[in-house]
């Protein structure tokens, strides 16, 4: 399985990196989906879809061991 970076489209990569840079993943969030979409020039709905598809690839890569991140991932203990 290729590394996660190779599994993301250019649009997905740009969406994730922009979200990260804008503070979308911070708690509390520093940016909303609407603000992110505005920056990317697309609707909130399009932004949400891009984020979901990109995050599915990232999480799948971590869980299924196809990236550097997965090698250091330790599942939580029950």
N, C-alpha and C. Protein backbone atom coordinates (compact mmCIF):
# COMPACT_ATOMS: atom_id res chain seq x y z
N UNK A 1 0.85 -1.17 0.00
CA UNK A 1 0.00 0.00 0.00
C UNK A 1 0.90 1.24 0.00
N UNK A 2 0.65 2.23 -0.87
CA UNK A 2 1.51 3.41 -0.93
C UNK A 2 1.36 4.28 0.32
N UNK A 3 2.36 5.11 0.60
CA UNK A 3 2.26 6.02 1.74
C UNK A 3 1.05 6.94 1.59
N UNK A 4 0.55 7.43 2.69
CA UNK A 4 -0.66 8.25 2.67
C UNK A 4 -0.49 9.48 1.79
N UNK A 5 0.70 10.04 1.76
CA UNK A 5 0.92 11.24 0.94
C UNK A 5 0.63 10.96 -0.54
N UNK A 6 0.88 9.74 -0.95
CA UNK A 6 0.63 9.37 -2.35
C UNK A 6 -0.81 8.95 -2.59
N UNK A 7 -1.54 8.71 -1.54
CA UNK A 7 -2.94 8.30 -1.67
C UNK A 7 -3.88 9.48 -1.73
N UNK A 8 -3.41 10.66 -1.32
CA UNK A 8 -4.24 11.86 -1.33
C UNK A 8 -4.10 12.59 -2.66
N UNK A 9 -5.23 13.11 -3.15
CA UNK A 9 -5.17 13.95 -4.35
C UNK A 9 -4.56 15.30 -3.96
N UNK A 10 -4.16 16.07 -4.94
CA UNK A 10 -3.62 17.40 -4.68
C UNK A 10 -4.64 18.27 -3.94
N UNK A 11 -5.90 18.14 -4.32
CA UNK A 11 -6.97 18.91 -3.67
C UNK A 11 -7.14 18.48 -2.22
N UNK A 12 -7.11 17.19 -1.96
CA UNK A 12 -7.23 16.70 -0.59
C UNK A 12 -6.04 17.17 0.25
N UNK A 13 -4.84 17.08 -0.31
CA UNK A 13 -3.64 17.52 0.41
C UNK A 13 -3.73 19.01 0.74
N UNK A 14 -4.14 19.81 -0.23
CA UNK A 14 -4.27 21.26 0.00
C UNK A 14 -5.33 21.54 1.06
N UNK A 15 -6.43 20.81 1.01
CA UNK A 15 -7.50 21.01 2.00
C UNK A 15 -6.99 20.69 3.40
N UNK A 16 -6.33 19.56 3.56
CA UNK A 16 -5.82 19.18 4.89
C UNK A 16 -4.75 20.14 5.40
N UNK A 17 -3.82 20.51 4.54
CA UNK A 17 -2.75 21.40 5.00
C UNK A 17 -3.28 22.78 5.32
N UNK A 18 -4.23 23.27 4.53
CA UNK A 18 -4.83 24.57 4.82
C UNK A 18 -5.62 24.51 6.12
N UNK A 19 -6.36 23.43 6.33
CA UNK A 19 -7.12 23.26 7.58
C UNK A 19 -6.17 23.27 8.78
N UNK A 20 -5.07 22.57 8.65
CA UNK A 20 -4.09 22.51 9.74
C UNK A 20 -3.50 23.90 10.00
N UNK A 21 -3.10 24.58 8.95
CA UNK A 21 -2.50 25.92 9.08
C UNK A 21 -3.49 26.93 9.66
N UNK A 22 -4.77 26.78 9.36
CA UNK A 22 -5.78 27.72 9.86
C UNK A 22 -6.24 27.38 11.28
N UNK A 23 -5.82 26.25 11.82
CA UNK A 23 -6.21 25.88 13.17
C UNK A 23 -7.51 25.11 13.26
N UNK A 24 -7.92 24.48 12.17
CA UNK A 24 -9.17 23.72 12.17
C UNK A 24 -9.14 22.56 13.16
N UNK A 25 -7.96 21.97 13.37
CA UNK A 25 -7.85 20.81 14.24
C UNK A 25 -7.53 21.18 15.69
N UNK A 26 -7.41 22.46 15.98
CA UNK A 26 -7.16 22.90 17.35
C UNK A 26 -8.42 22.73 18.21
N UNK A 27 -8.24 22.70 19.51
CA UNK A 27 -9.37 22.66 20.45
C UNK A 27 -9.21 23.85 21.39
N UNK A 28 -10.10 24.81 21.32
CA UNK A 28 -11.23 24.93 20.38
C UNK A 28 -10.72 25.30 18.98
N UNK A 29 -11.56 25.05 18.00
CA UNK A 29 -11.19 25.34 16.61
C UNK A 29 -10.95 26.83 16.42
N UNK A 30 -9.94 27.12 15.60
CA UNK A 30 -9.65 28.51 15.25
C UNK A 30 -10.25 28.87 13.90
N UNK A 31 -10.78 27.87 13.20
CA UNK A 31 -11.39 28.08 11.89
C UNK A 31 -12.54 27.10 11.71
N UNK A 32 -13.57 27.55 11.03
CA UNK A 32 -14.73 26.70 10.75
C UNK A 32 -14.63 26.13 9.34
N UNK A 33 -15.50 25.17 9.02
CA UNK A 33 -15.56 24.65 7.66
C UNK A 33 -15.89 25.76 6.67
N UNK A 34 -16.76 26.66 7.06
CA UNK A 34 -17.12 27.78 6.18
C UNK A 34 -15.91 28.67 5.90
N UNK A 35 -15.14 28.97 6.93
CA UNK A 35 -13.94 29.80 6.74
C UNK A 35 -12.90 29.08 5.89
N UNK A 36 -12.76 27.80 6.12
CA UNK A 36 -11.83 27.00 5.34
C UNK A 36 -12.27 26.98 3.87
N UNK A 37 -13.55 26.75 3.64
CA UNK A 37 -14.08 26.75 2.28
C UNK A 37 -13.88 28.08 1.59
N UNK A 38 -14.08 29.16 2.35
CA UNK A 38 -13.88 30.50 1.80
C UNK A 38 -12.43 30.67 1.34
N UNK A 39 -11.50 30.23 2.18
CA UNK A 39 -10.07 30.33 1.83
C UNK A 39 -9.75 29.49 0.58
N UNK A 40 -10.40 28.33 0.47
CA UNK A 40 -10.14 27.43 -0.66
C UNK A 40 -10.96 27.78 -1.90
N UNK A 41 -11.94 28.66 -1.73
CA UNK A 41 -12.77 29.06 -2.86
C UNK A 41 -13.84 28.06 -3.23
N UNK A 42 -14.30 27.28 -2.23
CA UNK A 42 -15.36 26.30 -2.47
C UNK A 42 -16.39 26.41 -1.34
N UNK A 43 -17.52 25.73 -1.52
CA UNK A 43 -18.58 25.78 -0.52
C UNK A 43 -18.20 25.00 0.73
N UNK A 44 -18.95 25.26 1.78
CA UNK A 44 -18.79 24.52 3.04
C UNK A 44 -18.99 23.02 2.79
N UNK A 45 -20.00 22.68 1.97
CA UNK A 45 -20.30 21.28 1.68
C UNK A 45 -19.16 20.61 0.93
N UNK A 46 -18.58 21.30 -0.04
CA UNK A 46 -17.46 20.74 -0.79
C UNK A 46 -16.25 20.55 0.12
N UNK A 47 -16.03 21.52 1.00
CA UNK A 47 -14.93 21.43 1.96
C UNK A 47 -15.11 20.23 2.87
N UNK A 48 -16.32 20.04 3.37
CA UNK A 48 -16.62 18.92 4.25
C UNK A 48 -16.35 17.58 3.54
N UNK A 49 -16.78 17.46 2.30
CA UNK A 49 -16.56 16.23 1.54
C UNK A 49 -15.08 15.96 1.31
N UNK A 50 -14.34 17.00 0.97
CA UNK A 50 -12.90 16.84 0.76
C UNK A 50 -12.20 16.41 2.06
N UNK A 51 -12.61 17.03 3.15
CA UNK A 51 -12.02 16.69 4.46
C UNK A 51 -12.32 15.24 4.81
N UNK A 52 -13.57 14.82 4.65
CA UNK A 52 -13.94 13.44 4.98
C UNK A 52 -13.16 12.43 4.16
N UNK A 53 -13.07 12.67 2.86
CA UNK A 53 -12.34 11.73 2.00
C UNK A 53 -10.85 11.71 2.35
N UNK A 54 -10.28 12.86 2.60
CA UNK A 54 -8.86 12.92 2.96
C UNK A 54 -8.60 12.27 4.31
N UNK A 55 -9.45 12.55 5.27
CA UNK A 55 -9.27 11.97 6.61
C UNK A 55 -9.46 10.46 6.57
N UNK A 56 -10.35 9.96 5.73
CA UNK A 56 -10.52 8.51 5.58
C UNK A 56 -9.21 7.88 5.12
N UNK A 57 -8.52 8.52 4.19
CA UNK A 57 -7.24 7.99 3.71
C UNK A 57 -6.17 8.05 4.81
N UNK A 58 -6.13 9.16 5.52
CA UNK A 58 -5.12 9.32 6.58
C UNK A 58 -5.34 8.31 7.70
N UNK A 59 -6.56 8.22 8.18
CA UNK A 59 -6.87 7.29 9.27
C UNK A 59 -6.66 5.84 8.81
N UNK A 60 -7.08 5.53 7.60
CA UNK A 60 -6.87 4.19 7.07
C UNK A 60 -5.39 3.84 6.99
N UNK A 61 -4.58 4.80 6.60
CA UNK A 61 -3.14 4.57 6.52
C UNK A 61 -2.55 4.29 7.89
N UNK A 62 -3.00 5.02 8.89
CA UNK A 62 -2.49 4.80 10.25
C UNK A 62 -2.94 3.45 10.78
N UNK A 63 -4.19 3.14 10.61
CA UNK A 63 -4.73 1.88 11.14
C UNK A 63 -4.16 0.66 10.42
N UNK A 64 -4.01 0.78 9.11
CA UNK A 64 -3.58 -0.38 8.33
C UNK A 64 -2.08 -0.42 8.05
N UNK A 65 -1.33 0.52 8.62
CA UNK A 65 0.13 0.45 8.56
C UNK A 65 0.78 0.79 7.25
N UNK A 66 0.27 1.79 6.54
CA UNK A 66 0.90 2.12 5.27
C UNK A 66 1.62 3.46 5.30
N UNK A 67 1.95 3.96 6.48
CA UNK A 67 2.69 5.22 6.55
C UNK A 67 3.65 5.18 7.73
N UNK A 68 4.54 6.14 7.75
CA UNK A 68 5.49 6.26 8.85
C UNK A 68 4.75 6.43 10.17
N UNK A 69 3.66 7.19 10.14
CA UNK A 69 2.88 7.43 11.37
C UNK A 69 2.37 6.13 11.96
N UNK A 70 2.01 5.19 11.11
CA UNK A 70 1.44 3.94 11.61
C UNK A 70 2.47 3.10 12.37
N UNK A 71 3.73 3.27 12.05
CA UNK A 71 4.75 2.48 12.73
C UNK A 71 4.90 2.89 14.19
N UNK A 72 4.55 4.14 14.50
CA UNK A 72 4.65 4.58 15.89
C UNK A 72 3.29 4.59 16.58
N UNK A 73 2.23 4.24 15.84
CA UNK A 73 0.88 4.22 16.40
C UNK A 73 0.73 3.04 17.36
N UNK A 74 0.21 3.33 18.52
CA UNK A 74 -0.06 2.28 19.50
C UNK A 74 -1.55 2.34 19.85
N UNK A 75 -2.29 1.30 19.52
CA UNK A 75 -3.73 1.31 19.87
C UNK A 75 -3.89 1.47 21.38
N UNK A 76 -4.94 2.19 21.80
CA UNK A 76 -5.18 2.35 23.23
C UNK A 76 -5.52 1.02 23.89
N UNK A 77 -5.14 0.92 25.13
CA UNK A 77 -5.49 -0.29 25.90
C UNK A 77 -6.88 -0.15 26.45
N UNK A 78 -7.56 -1.27 26.58
CA UNK A 78 -8.93 -1.24 27.14
C UNK A 78 -8.90 -1.06 28.63
